[in-house]
Amino acid sequence: FENYFRAKKRLFEDYKPAGCEPLELTSGSGGGSYVSHREMRDELVAFFCSSLPKGTHTFTYRLRAEIPGKFHVMPAMAQAMYAPTLRANSQEWRVEIIDE
């Protein structure tokens, strides 16, 4: 990942679980100390970073559970925007929404 951290722009895409919608619906600047822009799309939330030092970082947004059930969540993906061969992705995860 050494070249990944030297790239100028980074894109992180986090797919939303089925049955959930983000509480904030507007895209724009901000979204964390390293996030220069955030886009709320139909299927995912995209975070753009101009600079990102080495280490562990967390990007967050709030979701509202709307439909009960068990769902698979697609892996989050990271890439250097102008170096498409530099890519990474997380593991799939599962979520269960319970109607109370």
PDB file of N, CA and C in Angstrom:
ATOM      1  N   PHE A   1       0.799  -1.207   0.000  1.00  0.00           N
ATOM      2  CA  PHE A   1       0.000   0.000   0.000  1.00  0.00           C
ATOM      3  C   PHE A   1       0.844   1.274   0.000  1.00  0.00           C
ATOM      4  N   GLU A   2       2.147   1.165  -0.066  1.00  0.00           N
ATOM      5  CA  GLU A   2       2.998   2.358  -0.043  1.00  0.00           C
ATOM      6  C   GLU A   2       2.618   3.348  -1.150  1.00  0.00           C
ATOM      7  N   ASN A   3       2.411   2.868  -2.371  1.00  0.00           N
ATOM      8  CA  ASN A   3       2.024   3.744  -3.475  1.00  0.00           C
ATOM      9  C   ASN A   3       0.640   4.337  -3.272  1.00  0.00           C
ATOM     10  N   TYR A   4      -0.222   3.611  -2.584  1.00  0.00           N
ATOM     11  CA  TYR A   4      -1.580   4.106  -2.333  1.00  0.00           C
ATOM     12  C   TYR A   4      -1.549   5.401  -1.537  1.00  0.00           C
ATOM     13  N   PHE A   5      -0.657   5.490  -0.559  1.00  0.00           N
ATOM     14  CA  PHE A   5      -0.596   6.679   0.280  1.00  0.00           C
ATOM     15  C   PHE A   5       0.081   7.838  -0.428  1.00  0.00           C
ATOM     16  N   ARG A   6       0.821   7.578  -1.496  1.00  0.00           N
ATOM     17  CA  ARG A   6       1.442   8.649  -2.274  1.00  0.00           C
ATOM     18  C   ARG A   6       0.490   9.222  -3.313  1.00  0.00           C
ATOM     19  N   ALA A   7      -0.583   8.524  -3.641  1.00  0.00           N
ATOM     20  CA  ALA A   7      -1.539   8.999  -4.640  1.00  0.00           C
ATOM     21  C   ALA A   7      -2.207  10.277  -4.145  1.00  0.00           C
ATOM     22  N   LYS A   8      -2.605  11.123  -5.088  1.00  0.00           N
ATOM     23  CA  LYS A   8      -3.139  12.441  -4.725  1.00  0.00           C
ATOM     24  C   LYS A   8      -4.568  12.405  -4.189  1.00  0.00           C
ATOM     25  N   LYS A   9      -5.447  11.649  -4.808  1.00  0.00           N
ATOM     26  CA  LYS A   9      -6.847  11.582  -4.375  1.00  0.00           C
ATOM     27  C   LYS A   9      -7.222  10.146  -4.077  1.00  0.00           C
ATOM     28  N   ARG A  10      -7.969   9.944  -2.993  1.00  0.00           N
ATOM     29  CA  ARG A  10      -8.430   8.625  -2.626  1.00  0.00           C
ATOM     30  C   ARG A  10      -9.944   8.610  -2.552  1.00  0.00           C
ATOM     31  N   LEU A  11     -10.521   7.497  -2.948  1.00  0.00           N
ATOM     32  CA  LEU A  11     -11.961   7.331  -2.939  1.00  0.00           C
ATOM     33  C   LEU A  11     -12.293   6.095  -2.124  1.00  0.00           C
ATOM     34  N   PHE A  12     -13.200   6.248  -1.169  1.00  0.00           N
ATOM     35  CA  PHE A  12     -13.698   5.136  -0.356  1.00  0.00           C
ATOM     36  C   PHE A  12     -15.199   5.049  -0.606  1.00  0.00           C
ATOM     37  N   GLU A  13     -15.680   3.866  -1.001  1.00  0.00           N
ATOM     38  CA  GLU A  13     -17.094   3.657  -1.258  1.00  0.00           C
ATOM     39  C   GLU A  13     -17.616   2.611  -0.284  1.00  0.00           C
ATOM     40  N   ASP A  14     -18.637   2.989   0.465  1.00  0.00           N
ATOM     41  CA  ASP A  14     -19.235   2.096   1.451  1.00  0.00           C
ATOM     42  C   ASP A  14     -20.676   1.823   1.037  1.00  0.00           C
ATOM     43  N   TYR A  15     -20.966   0.574   0.703  1.00  0.00           N
ATOM     44  CA  TYR A  15     -22.315   0.203   0.279  1.00  0.00           C
ATOM     45  C   TYR A  15     -23.247   0.136   1.479  1.00  0.00           C
ATOM     46  N   LYS A  16     -24.445   0.690   1.314  1.00  0.00           N
ATOM     47  CA  LYS A  16     -25.427   0.699   2.389  1.00  0.00           C
ATOM     48  C   LYS A  16     -26.098  -0.665   2.490  1.00  0.00           C
ATOM     49  N   PRO A  17     -26.396  -1.116   3.703  1.00  0.00           N
ATOM     50  CA  PRO A  17     -27.152  -2.367   3.845  1.00  0.00           C
ATOM     51  C   PRO A  17     -28.579  -2.177   3.329  1.00  0.00           C
ATOM     52  N   ALA A  18     -29.151  -3.218   2.750  1.00  0.00           N
ATOM     53  CA  ALA A  18     -30.557  -3.169   2.353  1.00  0.00           C
ATOM     54  C   ALA A  18     -31.385  -2.924   3.603  1.00  0.00           C
ATOM     55  N   GLY A  19     -32.463  -2.204   3.454  1.00  0.00           N
ATOM     56  CA  GLY A  19     -33.322  -1.927   4.593  1.00  0.00           C
ATOM     57  C   GLY A  19     -32.893  -0.733   5.417  1.00  0.00           C
ATOM     58  N   CYS A  20     -31.828  -0.037   4.991  1.00  0.00           N
ATOM     59  CA  CYS A  20     -31.316   1.122   5.734  1.00  0.00           C
ATOM     60  C   CYS A  20     -31.176   2.333   4.822  1.00  0.00           C
ATOM     61  N   GLU A  21     -31.359   3.489   5.384  1.00  0.00           N
ATOM     62  CA  GLU A  21     -31.154   4.747   4.665  1.00  0.00           C
ATOM     63  C   GLU A  21     -30.352   5.686   5.556  1.00  0.00           C
ATOM     64  N   PRO A  22     -29.478   6.491   4.969  1.00  0.00           N
ATOM     65  CA  PRO A  22     -28.698   7.439   5.783  1.00  0.00           C
ATOM     66  C   PRO A  22     -29.593   8.526   6.360  1.00  0.00           C
ATOM     67  N   LEU A  23     -29.243   9.026   7.531  1.00  0.00           N
ATOM     68  CA  LEU A  23     -30.011  10.112   8.146  1.00  0.00           C
ATOM     69  C   LEU A  23     -29.752  11.429   7.427  1.00  0.00           C
ATOM     70  N   GLU A  24     -28.516  11.657   6.999  1.00  0.00           N
ATOM     71  CA  GLU A  24     -28.185  12.859   6.235  1.00  0.00           C
ATOM     72  C   GLU A  24     -28.291  12.517   4.761  1.00  0.00           C
ATOM     73  N   LEU A  25     -29.024  13.306   4.011  1.00  0.00           N
ATOM     74  CA  LEU A  25     -29.237  12.985   2.605  1.00  0.00           C
ATOM     75  C   LEU A  25     -28.487  13.913   1.656  1.00  0.00           C
ATOM     76  N   THR A  26     -27.818  14.913   2.179  1.00  0.00           N
ATOM     77  CA  THR A  26     -27.141  15.860   1.304  1.00  0.00           C
ATOM     78  C   THR A  26     -25.661  15.534   1.179  1.00  0.00           C
ATOM     79  N   SER A  27     -25.162  15.665  -0.034  1.00  0.00           N
ATOM     80  CA  SER A  27     -23.734  15.510  -0.291  1.00  0.00           C
ATOM     81  C   SER A  27     -23.061  16.848  -0.050  1.00  0.00           C
ATOM     82  N   GLY A  28     -21.740  16.830   0.057  1.00  0.00           N
ATOM     83  CA  GLY A  28     -21.017  18.085   0.215  1.00  0.00           C
ATOM     84  C   GLY A  28     -19.691  17.891   0.906  1.00  0.00           C
ATOM     85  N   SER A  29     -19.117  19.002   1.304  1.00  0.00           N
ATOM     86  CA  SER A  29     -17.809  18.936   1.948  1.00  0.00           C
ATOM     87  C   SER A  29     -17.964  18.455   3.383  1.00  0.00           C
ATOM     88  N   GLY A  30     -16.866  17.973   3.922  1.00  0.00           N
ATOM     89  CA  GLY A  30     -16.870  17.511   5.304  1.00  0.00           C
ATOM     90  C   GLY A  30     -17.141  16.032   5.417  1.00  0.00           C
ATOM     91  N   GLY A  31     -17.295  15.571   6.625  1.00  0.00           N
ATOM     92  CA  GLY A  31     -17.554  14.172   6.876  1.00  0.00           C
ATOM     93  C   GLY A  31     -16.429  13.503   7.644  1.00  0.00           C
ATOM     94  N   GLY A  32     -15.526  14.286   8.178  1.00  0.00           N
ATOM     95  CA  GLY A  32     -14.406  13.743   8.925  1.00  0.00           C
ATOM     96  C   GLY A  32     -13.189  14.621   8.753  1.00  0.00           C
ATOM     97  N   SER A  33     -12.169  14.383   9.553  1.00  0.00           N
ATOM     98  CA  SER A  33     -10.995  15.250   9.533  1.00  0.00           C
ATOM     99  C   SER A  33     -10.209  15.160   8.235  1.00  0.00           C
ATOM    100  N   TYR A  34     -10.254  14.047   7.519  1.00  0.00           N
ATOM    101  CA  TYR A  34      -9.503  13.895   6.280  1.00  0.00           C
ATOM    102  C   TYR A  34     -10.394  13.893   5.047  1.00  0.00           C
ATOM    103  N   VAL A  35     -11.692  13.937   5.216  1.00  0.00           N
ATOM    104  CA  VAL A  35     -12.624  13.854   4.097  1.00  0.00           C
ATOM    105  C   VAL A  35     -12.820  15.237   3.495  1.00  0.00           C
ATOM    106  N   SER A  36     -12.507  15.373   2.196  1.00  0.00           N
ATOM    107  CA  SER A  36     -12.706  16.654   1.529  1.00  0.00           C
ATOM    108  C   SER A  36     -14.109  16.774   0.940  1.00  0.00           C
ATOM    109  N   HIS A  37     -14.730  15.647   0.626  1.00  0.00           N
ATOM    110  CA  HIS A  37     -16.069  15.663   0.036  1.00  0.00           C
ATOM    111  C   HIS A  37     -16.742  14.323   0.312  1.00  0.00           C
ATOM    112  N   ARG A  38     -18.059  14.351   0.500  1.00  0.00           N
ATOM    113  CA  ARG A  38     -18.843  13.138   0.732  1.00  0.00           C
ATOM    114  C   ARG A  38     -20.056  13.172  -0.177  1.00  0.00           C
ATOM    115  N   GLU A  39     -20.347  12.047  -0.836  1.00  0.00           N
ATOM    116  CA  GLU A  39     -21.514  11.957  -1.709  1.00  0.00           C
ATOM    117  C   GLU A  39     -22.432  10.850  -1.230  1.00  0.00           C
ATOM    118  N   MET A  40     -23.694  11.200  -1.041  1.00  0.00           N
ATOM    119  CA  MET A  40     -24.709  10.230  -0.648  1.00  0.00           C
ATOM    120  C   MET A  40     -25.390   9.756  -1.930  1.00  0.00           C
ATOM    121  N   ARG A  41     -25.139   8.534  -2.323  1.00  0.00           N
ATOM    122  CA  ARG A  41     -25.706   7.976  -3.547  1.00  0.00           C
ATOM    123  C   ARG A  41     -26.777   6.955  -3.189  1.00  0.00           C
ATOM    124  N   ASP A  42     -27.500   6.473  -4.200  1.00  0.00           N
ATOM    125  CA  ASP A  42     -28.593   5.525  -3.945  1.00  0.00           C
ATOM    126  C   ASP A  42     -28.125   4.268  -3.226  1.00  0.00           C
ATOM    127  N   GLU A  43     -27.019   3.683  -3.664  1.00  0.00           N
ATOM    128  CA  GLU A  43     -26.581   2.401  -3.128  1.00  0.00           C
ATOM    129  C   GLU A  43     -25.387   2.491  -2.197  1.00  0.00           C
ATOM    130  N   LEU A  44     -24.716   3.638  -2.151  1.00  0.00           N
ATOM    131  CA  LEU A  44     -23.491   3.740  -1.367  1.00  0.00           C
ATOM    132  C   LEU A  44     -23.234   5.161  -0.922  1.00  0.00           C
ATOM    133  N   VAL A  45     -22.280   5.292   0.000  1.00  0.00           N
ATOM    134  CA  VAL A  45     -21.777   6.589   0.429  1.00  0.00           C
ATOM    135  C   VAL A  45     -20.315   6.639   0.005  1.00  0.00           C
ATOM    136  N   ALA A  46     -19.936   7.709  -0.709  1.00  0.00           N
ATOM    137  CA  ALA A  46     -18.566   7.852  -1.205  1.00  0.00           C
ATOM    138  C   ALA A  46     -17.860   8.950  -0.419  1.00  0.00           C
ATOM    139  N   PHE A  47     -16.648   8.653   0.018  1.00  0.00           N
ATOM    140  CA  PHE A  47     -15.810   9.614   0.732  1.00  0.00           C
ATOM    141  C   PHE A  47     -14.576   9.898  -0.120  1.00  0.00           C
ATOM    142  N   PHE A  48     -14.258  11.173  -0.339  1.00  0.00           N
ATOM    143  CA  PHE A  48     -13.094  11.570  -1.112  1.00  0.00           C
ATOM    144  C   PHE A  48     -12.094  12.234  -0.168  1.00  0.00           C
ATOM    145  N   CYS A  49     -10.841  11.822  -0.258  1.00  0.00           N
ATOM    146  CA  CYS A  49      -9.788  12.357   0.608  1.00  0.00           C
ATOM    147  C   CYS A  49      -8.653  12.893  -0.246  1.00  0.00           C
ATOM    148  N   SER A  50      -8.229  14.123   0.029  1.00  0.00           N
ATOM    149  CA  SER A  50      -7.087  14.695  -0.680  1.00  0.00           C
ATOM    150  C   SER A  50      -5.777  14.258  -0.049  1.00  0.00           C
ATOM    151  N   SER A  51      -5.764  14.130   1.252  1.00  0.00           N
ATOM    152  CA  SER A  51      -4.563  13.657   1.941  1.00  0.00           C
ATOM    153  C   SER A  51      -4.991  12.683   3.030  1.00  0.00           C
ATOM    154  N   LEU A  52      -4.189  11.670   3.213  1.00  0.00           N
ATOM    155  CA  LEU A  52      -4.502  10.657   4.208  1.00  0.00           C
ATOM    156  C   LEU A  52      -3.194  10.067   4.719  1.00  0.00           C
ATOM    157  N   PRO A  53      -2.816  10.410   5.933  1.00  0.00           N
ATOM    158  CA  PRO A  53      -1.568   9.862   6.460  1.00  0.00           C
ATOM    159  C   PRO A  53      -1.692   8.359   6.723  1.00  0.00           C
ATOM    160  N   LYS A  54      -0.554   7.704   6.804  1.00  0.00           N
ATOM    161  CA  LYS A  54      -0.554   6.272   7.107  1.00  0.00           C
ATOM    162  C   LYS A  54      -1.219   6.032   8.451  1.00  0.00           C
ATOM    163  N   GLY A  55      -1.826   4.875   8.577  1.00  0.00           N
ATOM    164  CA  GLY A  55      -2.456   4.523   9.840  1.00  0.00           C
ATOM    165  C   GLY A  55      -3.872   4.053   9.638  1.00  0.00           C
ATOM    166  N   THR A  56      -4.592   3.942  10.720  1.00  0.00           N
ATOM    167  CA  THR A  56      -5.972   3.498  10.712  1.00  0.00           C
ATOM    168  C   THR A  56      -6.884   4.716  10.815  1.00  0.00           C
ATOM    169  N   HIS A  57      -7.887   4.762   9.953  1.00  0.00           N
ATOM    170  CA  HIS A  57      -8.832   5.879   9.939  1.00  0.00           C
ATOM    171  C   HIS A  57     -10.251   5.327   9.874  1.00  0.00           C
ATOM    172  N   THR A  58     -11.200   6.069  10.396  1.00  0.00           N
ATOM    173  CA  THR A  58     -12.599   5.659  10.399  1.00  0.00           C
ATOM    174  C   THR A  58     -13.436   6.736   9.738  1.00  0.00           C
ATOM    175  N   PHE A  59     -14.278   6.328   8.798  1.00  0.00           N
ATOM    176  CA  PHE A  59     -15.239   7.227   8.163  1.00  0.00           C
ATOM    177  C   PHE A  59     -16.613   6.805   8.655  1.00  0.00           C
ATOM    178  N   THR A  60     -17.400   7.748   9.123  1.00  0.00           N
ATOM    179  CA  THR A  60     -18.691   7.383   9.703  1.00  0.00           C
ATOM    180  C   THR A  60     -19.835   8.181   9.083  1.00  0.00           C
ATOM    181  N   TYR A  61     -20.998   7.598   9.117  1.00  0.00           N
ATOM    182  CA  TYR A  61     -22.256   8.258   8.797  1.00  0.00           C
ATOM    183  C   TYR A  61     -23.340   7.466   9.509  1.00  0.00           C
ATOM    184  N   ARG A  62     -24.473   8.083   9.739  1.00  0.00           N
ATOM    185  CA  ARG A  62     -25.538   7.434  10.499  1.00  0.00           C
ATOM    186  C   ARG A  62     -26.604   6.892   9.562  1.00  0.00           C
ATOM    187  N   LEU A  63     -27.088   5.685   9.897  1.00  0.00           N
ATOM    188  CA  LEU A  63     -28.137   5.028   9.131  1.00  0.00           C
ATOM    189  C   LEU A  63     -29.385   4.861   9.983  1.00  0.00           C
ATOM    190  N   ARG A  64     -30.520   4.806   9.308  1.00  0.00           N
ATOM    191  CA  ARG A  64     -31.793   4.503   9.973  1.00  0.00           C
ATOM    192  C   ARG A  64     -32.291   3.177   9.416  1.00  0.00           C
ATOM    193  N   ALA A  65     -32.542   2.210  10.292  1.00  0.00           N
ATOM    194  CA  ALA A  65     -33.077   0.911   9.867  1.00  0.00           C
ATOM    195  C   ALA A  65     -34.555   1.074   9.558  1.00  0.00           C
ATOM    196  N   GLU A  66     -34.985   0.614   8.364  1.00  0.00           N
ATOM    197  CA  GLU A  66     -36.372   0.792   7.951  1.00  0.00           C
ATOM    198  C   GLU A  66     -37.117  -0.513   7.693  1.00  0.00           C
ATOM    199  N   ILE A  67     -36.392  -1.560   7.295  1.00  0.00           N
ATOM    200  CA  ILE A  67     -37.040  -2.816   6.934  1.00  0.00           C
ATOM    201  C   ILE A  67     -36.406  -3.946   7.742  1.00  0.00           C
ATOM    202  N   PRO A  68     -37.201  -4.688   8.524  1.00  0.00           N
ATOM    203  CA  PRO A  68     -36.622  -5.802   9.279  1.00  0.00           C
ATOM    204  C   PRO A  68     -36.203  -6.941   8.357  1.00  0.00           C
ATOM    205  N   GLY A  69     -35.173  -7.665   8.786  1.00  0.00           N
ATOM    206  CA  GLY A  69     -34.709  -8.817   8.021  1.00  0.00           C
ATOM    207  C   GLY A  69     -33.218  -9.037   8.218  1.00  0.00           C
ATOM    208  N   LYS A  70     -32.693 -10.074   7.559  1.00  0.00           N
ATOM    209  CA  LYS A  70     -31.263 -10.375   7.573  1.00  0.00           C
ATOM    210  C   LYS A  70     -30.704 -10.004   6.207  1.00  0.00           C
ATOM    211  N   PHE A  71     -29.629  -9.210   6.200  1.00  0.00           N
ATOM    212  CA  PHE A  71     -29.087  -8.694   4.955  1.00  0.00           C
ATOM    213  C   PHE A  71     -27.578  -8.887   4.870  1.00  0.00           C
ATOM    214  N   HIS A  72     -27.087  -9.091   3.657  1.00  0.00           N
ATOM    215  CA  HIS A  72     -25.652  -9.111   3.373  1.00  0.00           C
ATOM    216  C   HIS A  72     -25.271  -7.711   2.923  1.00  0.00           C
ATOM    217  N   VAL A  73     -24.121  -7.240   3.358  1.00  0.00           N
ATOM    218  CA  VAL A  73     -23.648  -5.905   2.981  1.00  0.00           C
ATOM    219  C   VAL A  73     -22.408  -6.080   2.121  1.00  0.00           C
ATOM    220  N   MET A  74     -22.417  -5.467   0.956  1.00  0.00           N
ATOM    221  CA  MET A  74     -21.282  -5.556   0.028  1.00  0.00           C
ATOM    222  C   MET A  74     -20.028  -4.962   0.670  1.00  0.00           C
ATOM    223  N   PRO A  75     -18.853  -5.449   0.286  1.00  0.00           N
ATOM    224  CA  PRO A  75     -17.609  -4.914   0.845  1.00  0.00           C
ATOM    225  C   PRO A  75     -17.409  -3.438   0.496  1.00  0.00           C
ATOM    226  N   ALA A  76     -16.823  -2.694   1.414  1.00  0.00           N
ATOM    227  CA  ALA A  76     -16.417  -1.320   1.127  1.00  0.00           C
ATOM    228  C   ALA A  76     -15.200  -1.392   0.207  1.00  0.00           C
ATOM    229  N   MET A  77     -15.046  -0.381  -0.648  1.00  0.00           N
ATOM    230  CA  MET A  77     -13.923  -0.376  -1.586  1.00  0.00           C
ATOM    231  C   MET A  77     -13.144   0.917  -1.449  1.00  0.00           C
ATOM    232  N   ALA A  78     -11.838   0.818  -1.636  1.00  0.00           N
ATOM    233  CA  ALA A  78     -10.954   1.979  -1.616  1.00  0.00           C
ATOM    234  C   ALA A  78     -10.122   1.952  -2.881  1.00  0.00           C
ATOM    235  N   GLN A  79      -9.870   3.130  -3.445  1.00  0.00           N
ATOM    236  CA  GLN A  79      -9.013   3.205  -4.625  1.00  0.00           C
ATOM    237  C   GLN A  79      -8.371   4.575  -4.730  1.00  0.00           C
ATOM    238  N   ALA A  80      -7.223   4.600  -5.375  1.00  0.00           N
ATOM    239  CA  ALA A  80      -6.583   5.867  -5.715  1.00  0.00           C
ATOM    240  C   ALA A  80      -7.212   6.313  -7.029  1.00  0.00           C
ATOM    241  N   MET A  81      -7.796   7.497  -7.071  1.00  0.00           N
ATOM    242  CA  MET A  81      -8.590   7.906  -8.218  1.00  0.00           C
ATOM    243  C   MET A  81      -7.792   7.988  -9.516  1.00  0.00           C
ATOM    244  N   TYR A  82      -6.546   8.411  -9.456  1.00  0.00           N
ATOM    245  CA  TYR A  82      -5.760   8.582 -10.675  1.00  0.00           C
ATOM    246  C   TYR A  82      -4.730   7.479 -10.843  1.00  0.00           C
ATOM    247  N   ALA A  83      -4.838   6.437 -10.074  1.00  0.00           N
ATOM    248  CA  ALA A  83      -4.000   5.243 -10.202  1.00  0.00           C
ATOM    249  C   ALA A  83      -4.917   4.041  -9.994  1.00  0.00           C
ATOM    250  N   PRO A  84      -5.712   3.685 -11.013  1.00  0.00           N
ATOM    251  CA  PRO A  84      -6.758   2.675 -10.826  1.00  0.00           C
ATOM    252  C   PRO A  84      -6.266   1.285 -10.450  1.00  0.00           C
ATOM    253  N   THR A  85      -4.980   1.024 -10.598  1.00  0.00           N
ATOM    254  CA  THR A  85      -4.478  -0.294 -10.199  1.00  0.00           C
ATOM    255  C   THR A  85      -4.319  -0.405  -8.693  1.00  0.00           C
ATOM    256  N   LEU A  86      -4.370   0.701  -7.977  1.00  0.00           N
ATOM    257  CA  LEU A  86      -4.267   0.689  -6.516  1.00  0.00           C
ATOM    258  C   LEU A  86      -5.672   0.609  -5.934  1.00  0.00           C
ATOM    259  N   ARG A  87      -6.064  -0.580  -5.524  1.00  0.00           N
ATOM    260  CA  ARG A  87      -7.418  -0.823  -5.018  1.00  0.00           C
ATOM    261  C   ARG A  87      -7.364  -1.726  -3.798  1.00  0.00           C
ATOM    262  N   ALA A  88      -8.379  -1.610  -2.971  1.00  0.00           N
ATOM    263  CA  ALA A  88      -8.520  -2.490  -1.810  1.00  0.00           C
ATOM    264  C   ALA A  88      -9.998  -2.617  -1.498  1.00  0.00           C
ATOM    265  N   ASN A  89     -10.372  -3.673  -0.816  1.00  0.00           N
ATOM    266  CA  ASN A  89     -11.757  -3.797  -0.369  1.00  0.00           C
ATOM    267  C   ASN A  89     -11.803  -4.555   0.945  1.00  0.00           C
ATOM    268  N   SER A  90     -12.877  -4.298   1.680  1.00  0.00           N
ATOM    269  CA  SER A  90     -13.078  -4.943   2.982  1.00  0.00           C
ATOM    270  C   SER A  90     -13.779  -6.274   2.775  1.00  0.00           C
ATOM    271  N   GLN A  91     -14.134  -6.887   3.870  1.00  0.00           N
ATOM    272  CA  GLN A  91     -14.923  -8.106   3.814  1.00  0.00           C
ATOM    273  C   GLN A  91     -16.403  -7.763   3.791  1.00  0.00           C
ATOM    274  N   GLU A  92     -17.192  -8.694   3.274  1.00  0.00           N
ATOM    275  CA  GLU A  92     -18.641  -8.573   3.354  1.00  0.00           C
ATOM    276  C   GLU A  92     -19.033  -8.706   4.827  1.00  0.00           C
ATOM    277  N   TRP A  93     -20.099  -8.063   5.216  1.00  0.00           N
ATOM    278  CA  TRP A  93     -20.609  -8.296   6.564  1.00  0.00           C
ATOM    279  C   TRP A  93     -22.114  -8.465   6.498  1.00  0.00           C
ATOM    280  N   ARG A  94     -22.676  -8.947   7.563  1.00  0.00           N
ATOM    281  CA  ARG A  94     -24.108  -9.233   7.628  1.00  0.00           C
ATOM    282  C   ARG A  94     -24.736  -8.426   8.738  1.00  0.00           C
ATOM    283  N   VAL A  95     -25.973  -8.025   8.518  1.00  0.00           N
ATOM    284  CA  VAL A  95     -26.692  -7.248   9.509  1.00  0.00           C
ATOM    285  C   VAL A  95     -28.100  -7.830   9.656  1.00  0.00           C
ATOM    286  N   GLU A  96     -28.594  -7.820  10.869  1.00  0.00           N
ATOM    287  CA  GLU A  96     -29.971  -8.242  11.116  1.00  0.00           C
ATOM    288  C   GLU A  96     -30.721  -7.086  11.748  1.00  0.00           C
ATOM    289  N   ILE A  97     -31.829  -6.733  11.133  1.00  0.00           N
ATOM    290  CA  ILE A  97     -32.684  -5.654  11.638  1.00  0.00           C
ATOM    291  C   ILE A  97     -33.926  -6.311  12.225  1.00  0.00           C
ATOM    292  N   ILE A  98     -34.180  -6.037  13.496  1.00  0.00           N
ATOM    293  CA  ILE A  98     -35.279  -6.666  14.217  1.00  0.00           C
ATOM    294  C   ILE A  98     -36.382  -5.627  14.449  1.00  0.00           C
ATOM    295  N   ASP A  99     -37.615  -5.983  14.117  1.00  0.00           N
ATOM    296  CA  ASP A  99     -38.759  -5.106  14.356  1.00  0.00           C
ATOM    297  C   ASP A  99     -39.214  -5.323  15.795  1.00  0.00           C
ATOM    298  N   GLU A 100     -39.183  -4.255  16.580  1.00  0.00           N
ATOM    299  CA  GLU A 100     -39.567  -4.398  17.989  1.00  0.00           C
ATOM    300  C   GLU A 100     -40.940  -3.847  18.227  1.00  0.00           C
TER     301      GLU A 100
END
